[in-house]
Amino acid sequence: MTDSVGELEYLVLLTILRLGAAAYGVPIVEELTRHTRRPILRPSVYLALRRLEEKGLVRSRLGEPEARRGGRARRFFDVTAAGKRHVRESQRLMERLLRGVRLDEA
């Protein structure tokens, strides 16, 4: 597993943790768009999900086939133990770096 995780990958990890069992493509994109207040392209999220899975930070599973989706199943995502560890370590790093930082209020 590589330690290198890009910004979008990290945001996708956090979003999967927020959504829990309901984490699949469309809600992930919607949640990211809502919280970042910028357009998030679905294909870029799917690429990030694939990279995260290759790195062992998330795993996917297929749901039940749905008639309204033409018999296709949704792919749901979970954060692995390694993914949770990565988020925890990133959070600790940010907290250490922010300690003592003073931002001017303009």
N, C-alpha and C. Protein backbone atom coordinates (compact mmCIF):
# COMPACT_ATOMS: atom_id res chain seq x y z
N MET A 1 0.85 -1.18 0.00
CA MET A 1 0.00 0.00 0.00
C MET A 1 0.89 1.24 0.00
N THR A 2 0.53 2.21 -0.77
CA THR A 2 1.27 3.46 -0.81
C THR A 2 0.63 4.48 0.12
N ASP A 3 1.47 5.33 0.70
CA ASP A 3 0.95 6.35 1.61
C ASP A 3 0.42 7.56 0.87
N SER A 4 0.73 7.68 -0.41
CA SER A 4 0.34 8.85 -1.18
C SER A 4 -1.15 8.81 -1.55
N VAL A 5 -1.87 9.78 -1.04
CA VAL A 5 -3.30 9.90 -1.34
C VAL A 5 -3.55 11.34 -1.74
N GLY A 6 -4.14 11.53 -2.91
CA GLY A 6 -4.44 12.87 -3.40
C GLY A 6 -5.63 13.49 -2.67
N GLU A 7 -5.84 14.77 -2.93
CA GLU A 7 -6.91 15.49 -2.25
C GLU A 7 -8.28 14.87 -2.52
N LEU A 8 -8.59 14.58 -3.77
CA LEU A 8 -9.89 14.00 -4.09
C LEU A 8 -10.04 12.62 -3.44
N GLU A 9 -8.99 11.83 -3.48
CA GLU A 9 -9.05 10.51 -2.83
C GLU A 9 -9.34 10.65 -1.34
N TYR A 10 -8.67 11.60 -0.71
CA TYR A 10 -8.89 11.81 0.72
C TYR A 10 -10.33 12.27 1.00
N LEU A 11 -10.83 13.17 0.17
CA LEU A 11 -12.21 13.63 0.33
C LEU A 11 -13.20 12.48 0.11
N VAL A 12 -12.91 11.62 -0.85
CA VAL A 12 -13.77 10.45 -1.10
C VAL A 12 -13.74 9.52 0.11
N LEU A 13 -12.57 9.29 0.70
CA LEU A 13 -12.48 8.46 1.91
C LEU A 13 -13.38 9.03 3.02
N LEU A 14 -13.26 10.32 3.26
CA LEU A 14 -14.07 10.96 4.30
C LEU A 14 -15.56 10.85 4.00
N THR A 15 -15.91 11.00 2.73
CA THR A 15 -17.31 10.93 2.34
C THR A 15 -17.87 9.53 2.54
N ILE A 16 -17.11 8.51 2.22
CA ILE A 16 -17.56 7.13 2.45
C ILE A 16 -17.78 6.90 3.94
N LEU A 17 -16.88 7.42 4.77
CA LEU A 17 -17.06 7.29 6.22
C LEU A 17 -18.34 8.00 6.67
N ARG A 18 -18.63 9.16 6.11
CA ARG A 18 -19.85 9.91 6.46
C ARG A 18 -21.11 9.15 6.06
N LEU A 19 -21.09 8.58 4.84
CA LEU A 19 -22.29 7.93 4.30
C LEU A 19 -22.51 6.54 4.88
N GLY A 20 -21.47 5.88 5.31
CA GLY A 20 -21.62 4.53 5.86
C GLY A 20 -22.11 3.54 4.81
N ALA A 21 -23.10 2.74 5.17
CA ALA A 21 -23.60 1.67 4.31
C ALA A 21 -24.22 2.17 3.01
N ALA A 22 -24.55 3.45 2.94
CA ALA A 22 -25.20 4.01 1.75
C ALA A 22 -24.19 4.57 0.75
N ALA A 23 -22.90 4.23 0.91
CA ALA A 23 -21.86 4.83 0.08
C ALA A 23 -21.73 4.11 -1.26
N TYR A 24 -22.29 4.73 -2.28
CA TYR A 24 -22.06 4.28 -3.66
C TYR A 24 -21.93 5.54 -4.50
N GLY A 25 -21.62 5.40 -5.77
CA GLY A 25 -21.23 6.50 -6.64
C GLY A 25 -22.02 7.78 -6.54
N VAL A 26 -23.32 7.73 -6.80
CA VAL A 26 -24.12 8.96 -6.87
C VAL A 26 -24.16 9.71 -5.53
N PRO A 27 -24.48 9.05 -4.41
CA PRO A 27 -24.46 9.79 -3.14
C PRO A 27 -23.08 10.33 -2.77
N ILE A 28 -22.03 9.62 -3.16
CA ILE A 28 -20.68 10.13 -2.89
C ILE A 28 -20.47 11.44 -3.64
N VAL A 29 -20.81 11.47 -4.91
CA VAL A 29 -20.66 12.69 -5.72
C VAL A 29 -21.52 13.81 -5.14
N GLU A 30 -22.77 13.52 -4.79
CA GLU A 30 -23.67 14.54 -4.24
C GLU A 30 -23.14 15.11 -2.92
N GLU A 31 -22.66 14.24 -2.05
CA GLU A 31 -22.14 14.68 -0.75
C GLU A 31 -20.89 15.54 -0.94
N LEU A 32 -20.01 15.10 -1.83
CA LEU A 32 -18.80 15.88 -2.10
C LEU A 32 -19.14 17.25 -2.67
N THR A 33 -20.06 17.28 -3.61
CA THR A 33 -20.46 18.55 -4.22
C THR A 33 -21.07 19.49 -3.19
N ARG A 34 -21.90 18.93 -2.32
CA ARG A 34 -22.56 19.75 -1.29
C ARG A 34 -21.54 20.34 -0.32
N HIS A 35 -20.58 19.54 0.11
CA HIS A 35 -19.64 20.01 1.13
C HIS A 35 -18.48 20.83 0.57
N THR A 36 -18.04 20.53 -0.65
CA THR A 36 -16.93 21.29 -1.22
C THR A 36 -17.42 22.55 -1.92
N ARG A 37 -18.71 22.58 -2.25
CA ARG A 37 -19.30 23.71 -2.97
C ARG A 37 -18.59 23.99 -4.29
N ARG A 38 -18.18 22.91 -4.93
CA ARG A 38 -17.60 23.01 -6.26
C ARG A 38 -18.05 21.79 -7.06
N PRO A 39 -18.05 21.90 -8.37
CA PRO A 39 -18.50 20.76 -9.18
C PRO A 39 -17.54 19.59 -9.06
N ILE A 40 -18.09 18.43 -8.82
CA ILE A 40 -17.31 17.20 -8.74
C ILE A 40 -17.81 16.29 -9.85
N LEU A 41 -16.92 15.91 -10.72
CA LEU A 41 -17.31 15.07 -11.85
C LEU A 41 -17.36 13.60 -11.43
N ARG A 42 -18.44 12.95 -11.82
CA ARG A 42 -18.63 11.54 -11.46
C ARG A 42 -17.47 10.66 -11.92
N PRO A 43 -16.98 10.81 -13.18
CA PRO A 43 -15.87 9.95 -13.60
C PRO A 43 -14.62 10.11 -12.73
N SER A 44 -14.36 11.33 -12.25
CA SER A 44 -13.17 11.52 -11.40
C SER A 44 -13.35 10.82 -10.06
N VAL A 45 -14.58 10.77 -9.56
CA VAL A 45 -14.85 10.05 -8.30
C VAL A 45 -14.65 8.55 -8.51
N TYR A 46 -15.14 8.03 -9.64
CA TYR A 46 -14.97 6.60 -9.90
C TYR A 46 -13.50 6.24 -10.08
N LEU A 47 -12.71 7.11 -10.69
CA LEU A 47 -11.26 6.87 -10.79
C LEU A 47 -10.61 6.88 -9.40
N ALA A 48 -11.02 7.83 -8.57
CA ALA A 48 -10.48 7.90 -7.20
C ALA A 48 -10.86 6.65 -6.42
N LEU A 49 -12.10 6.18 -6.58
CA LEU A 49 -12.53 4.95 -5.90
C LEU A 49 -11.68 3.76 -6.33
N ARG A 50 -11.40 3.67 -7.63
CA ARG A 50 -10.58 2.57 -8.14
C ARG A 50 -9.17 2.63 -7.55
N ARG A 51 -8.59 3.85 -7.52
CA ARG A 51 -7.24 4.00 -6.95
C ARG A 51 -7.22 3.65 -5.46
N LEU A 52 -8.25 4.10 -4.73
CA LEU A 52 -8.32 3.79 -3.31
C LEU A 52 -8.44 2.28 -3.08
N GLU A 53 -9.20 1.62 -3.94
CA GLU A 53 -9.35 0.17 -3.81
C GLU A 53 -8.02 -0.52 -4.11
N GLU A 54 -7.32 -0.06 -5.13
CA GLU A 54 -6.00 -0.63 -5.47
C GLU A 54 -5.01 -0.43 -4.33
N LYS A 55 -5.13 0.66 -3.60
CA LYS A 55 -4.23 0.96 -2.48
C LYS A 55 -4.65 0.22 -1.21
N GLY A 56 -5.80 -0.45 -1.24
CA GLY A 56 -6.27 -1.18 -0.08
C GLY A 56 -6.95 -0.33 0.98
N LEU A 57 -7.35 0.90 0.61
CA LEU A 57 -7.97 1.80 1.57
C LEU A 57 -9.49 1.70 1.57
N VAL A 58 -10.07 1.21 0.48
CA VAL A 58 -11.50 0.93 0.42
C VAL A 58 -11.70 -0.44 -0.23
N ARG A 59 -12.86 -1.00 0.00
CA ARG A 59 -13.26 -2.24 -0.69
C ARG A 59 -14.67 -2.02 -1.20
N SER A 60 -15.01 -2.76 -2.23
CA SER A 60 -16.35 -2.61 -2.80
C SER A 60 -17.08 -3.94 -2.79
N ARG A 61 -18.39 -3.83 -2.86
CA ARG A 61 -19.24 -5.02 -2.95
C ARG A 61 -20.43 -4.64 -3.81
N LEU A 62 -20.96 -5.64 -4.51
CA LEU A 62 -22.14 -5.39 -5.33
C LEU A 62 -23.40 -5.61 -4.51
N GLY A 63 -24.36 -4.71 -4.66
CA GLY A 63 -25.67 -4.86 -4.03
C GLY A 63 -26.52 -5.79 -4.88
N GLU A 64 -27.77 -5.84 -4.57
CA GLU A 64 -28.71 -6.66 -5.32
C GLU A 64 -29.04 -6.00 -6.66
N PRO A 65 -29.25 -6.79 -7.71
CA PRO A 65 -29.68 -6.21 -8.99
C PRO A 65 -31.02 -5.49 -8.81
N GLU A 66 -31.18 -4.37 -9.50
CA GLU A 66 -32.39 -3.57 -9.37
C GLU A 66 -33.08 -3.46 -10.73
N ALA A 67 -34.37 -3.77 -10.73
CA ALA A 67 -35.14 -3.72 -11.97
C ALA A 67 -35.13 -2.31 -12.57
N ARG A 68 -35.25 -1.29 -11.73
CA ARG A 68 -35.29 0.09 -12.24
C ARG A 68 -33.95 0.52 -12.82
N ARG A 69 -32.90 -0.26 -12.58
CA ARG A 69 -31.59 0.03 -13.16
C ARG A 69 -31.27 -0.97 -14.27
N GLY A 70 -32.31 -1.57 -14.82
CA GLY A 70 -32.11 -2.53 -15.91
C GLY A 70 -31.45 -3.82 -15.45
N GLY A 71 -31.67 -4.17 -14.19
CA GLY A 71 -31.09 -5.39 -13.65
C GLY A 71 -29.66 -5.24 -13.15
N ARG A 72 -29.13 -4.02 -13.23
CA ARG A 72 -27.76 -3.80 -12.75
C ARG A 72 -27.76 -3.58 -11.24
N ALA A 73 -26.66 -3.96 -10.63
CA ALA A 73 -26.49 -3.78 -9.19
C ALA A 73 -25.63 -2.55 -8.92
N ARG A 74 -25.85 -1.93 -7.78
CA ARG A 74 -24.99 -0.82 -7.36
C ARG A 74 -23.73 -1.39 -6.72
N ARG A 75 -22.64 -0.66 -6.86
CA ARG A 75 -21.39 -1.04 -6.19
C ARG A 75 -21.24 -0.14 -4.96
N PHE A 76 -21.26 -0.75 -3.79
CA PHE A 76 -21.13 -0.03 -2.52
C PHE A 76 -19.68 -0.08 -2.05
N PHE A 77 -19.29 0.94 -1.30
CA PHE A 77 -17.90 1.05 -0.84
C PHE A 77 -17.83 1.17 0.67
N ASP A 78 -16.81 0.53 1.24
CA ASP A 78 -16.49 0.62 2.68
C ASP A 78 -15.04 1.04 2.79
N VAL A 79 -14.72 1.75 3.86
CA VAL A 79 -13.33 2.08 4.16
C VAL A 79 -12.76 0.91 4.95
N THR A 80 -11.59 0.43 4.54
CA THR A 80 -10.93 -0.68 5.22
C THR A 80 -10.26 -0.19 6.51
N ALA A 81 -9.75 -1.13 7.30
CA ALA A 81 -9.01 -0.76 8.51
C ALA A 81 -7.80 0.11 8.14
N ALA A 82 -7.13 -0.23 7.04
CA ALA A 82 -5.99 0.57 6.58
C ALA A 82 -6.44 1.97 6.19
N GLY A 83 -7.61 2.10 5.58
CA GLY A 83 -8.15 3.40 5.21
C GLY A 83 -8.47 4.24 6.43
N LYS A 84 -9.06 3.62 7.44
CA LYS A 84 -9.38 4.34 8.68
C LYS A 84 -8.10 4.78 9.38
N ARG A 85 -7.09 3.91 9.36
CA ARG A 85 -5.80 4.25 9.96
C ARG A 85 -5.19 5.45 9.23
N HIS A 86 -5.30 5.46 7.91
CA HIS A 86 -4.77 6.57 7.11
C HIS A 86 -5.48 7.88 7.46
N VAL A 87 -6.79 7.85 7.60
CA VAL A 87 -7.55 9.06 7.96
C VAL A 87 -7.14 9.53 9.36
N ARG A 88 -7.03 8.60 10.30
CA ARG A 88 -6.62 8.97 11.67
C ARG A 88 -5.25 9.63 11.68
N GLU A 89 -4.29 9.02 10.96
CA GLU A 89 -2.94 9.58 10.91
C GLU A 89 -2.94 10.95 10.24
N SER A 90 -3.72 11.13 9.19
CA SER A 90 -3.82 12.43 8.52
C SER A 90 -4.42 13.48 9.45
N GLN A 91 -5.42 13.07 10.21
CA GLN A 91 -6.06 13.99 11.16
C GLN A 91 -5.05 14.43 12.23
N ARG A 92 -4.29 13.48 12.76
CA ARG A 92 -3.28 13.82 13.77
C ARG A 92 -2.22 14.77 13.21
N LEU A 93 -1.80 14.51 11.98
CA LEU A 93 -0.81 15.37 11.34
C LEU A 93 -1.34 16.79 11.19
N MET A 94 -2.58 16.91 10.71
CA MET A 94 -3.16 18.25 10.54
C MET A 94 -3.29 18.97 11.89
N GLU A 95 -3.69 18.25 12.92
CA GLU A 95 -3.81 18.86 14.24
C GLU A 95 -2.45 19.35 14.74
N ARG A 96 -1.39 18.54 14.53
CA ARG A 96 -0.05 18.96 14.95
C ARG A 96 0.41 20.18 14.17
N LEU A 97 0.17 20.16 12.87
CA LEU A 97 0.61 21.29 12.04
C LEU A 97 -0.17 22.57 12.36
N LEU A 98 -1.44 22.43 12.70
CA LEU A 98 -2.26 23.61 12.99
C LEU A 98 -2.00 24.19 14.38
N ARG A 99 -1.47 23.37 15.29
CA ARG A 99 -1.19 23.86 16.63
C ARG A 99 -0.22 25.03 16.55
N GLY A 100 -0.61 26.13 17.05
CA GLY A 100 0.25 27.31 17.06
C GLY A 100 0.14 28.17 15.81
N VAL A 101 -0.61 27.74 14.84
CA VAL A 101 -0.78 28.57 13.63
C VAL A 101 -1.81 29.64 13.94
N ARG A 102 -1.45 30.86 13.58
CA ARG A 102 -2.39 31.98 13.76
C ARG A 102 -2.74 32.51 12.40
N LEU A 103 -4.00 32.55 12.10
CA LEU A 103 -4.46 33.10 10.84
C LEU A 103 -5.04 34.48 11.09
N ASP A 104 -4.60 35.43 10.29
CA ASP A 104 -5.15 36.78 10.42
C ASP A 104 -6.60 36.77 9.99
N GLU A 105 -7.43 37.39 10.77
CA GLU A 105 -8.84 37.53 10.39
C GLU A 105 -8.97 38.83 9.61
N ALA A 106 -9.39 38.70 8.38
CA ALA A 106 -9.50 39.89 7.53
C ALA A 106 -10.94 40.31 7.41
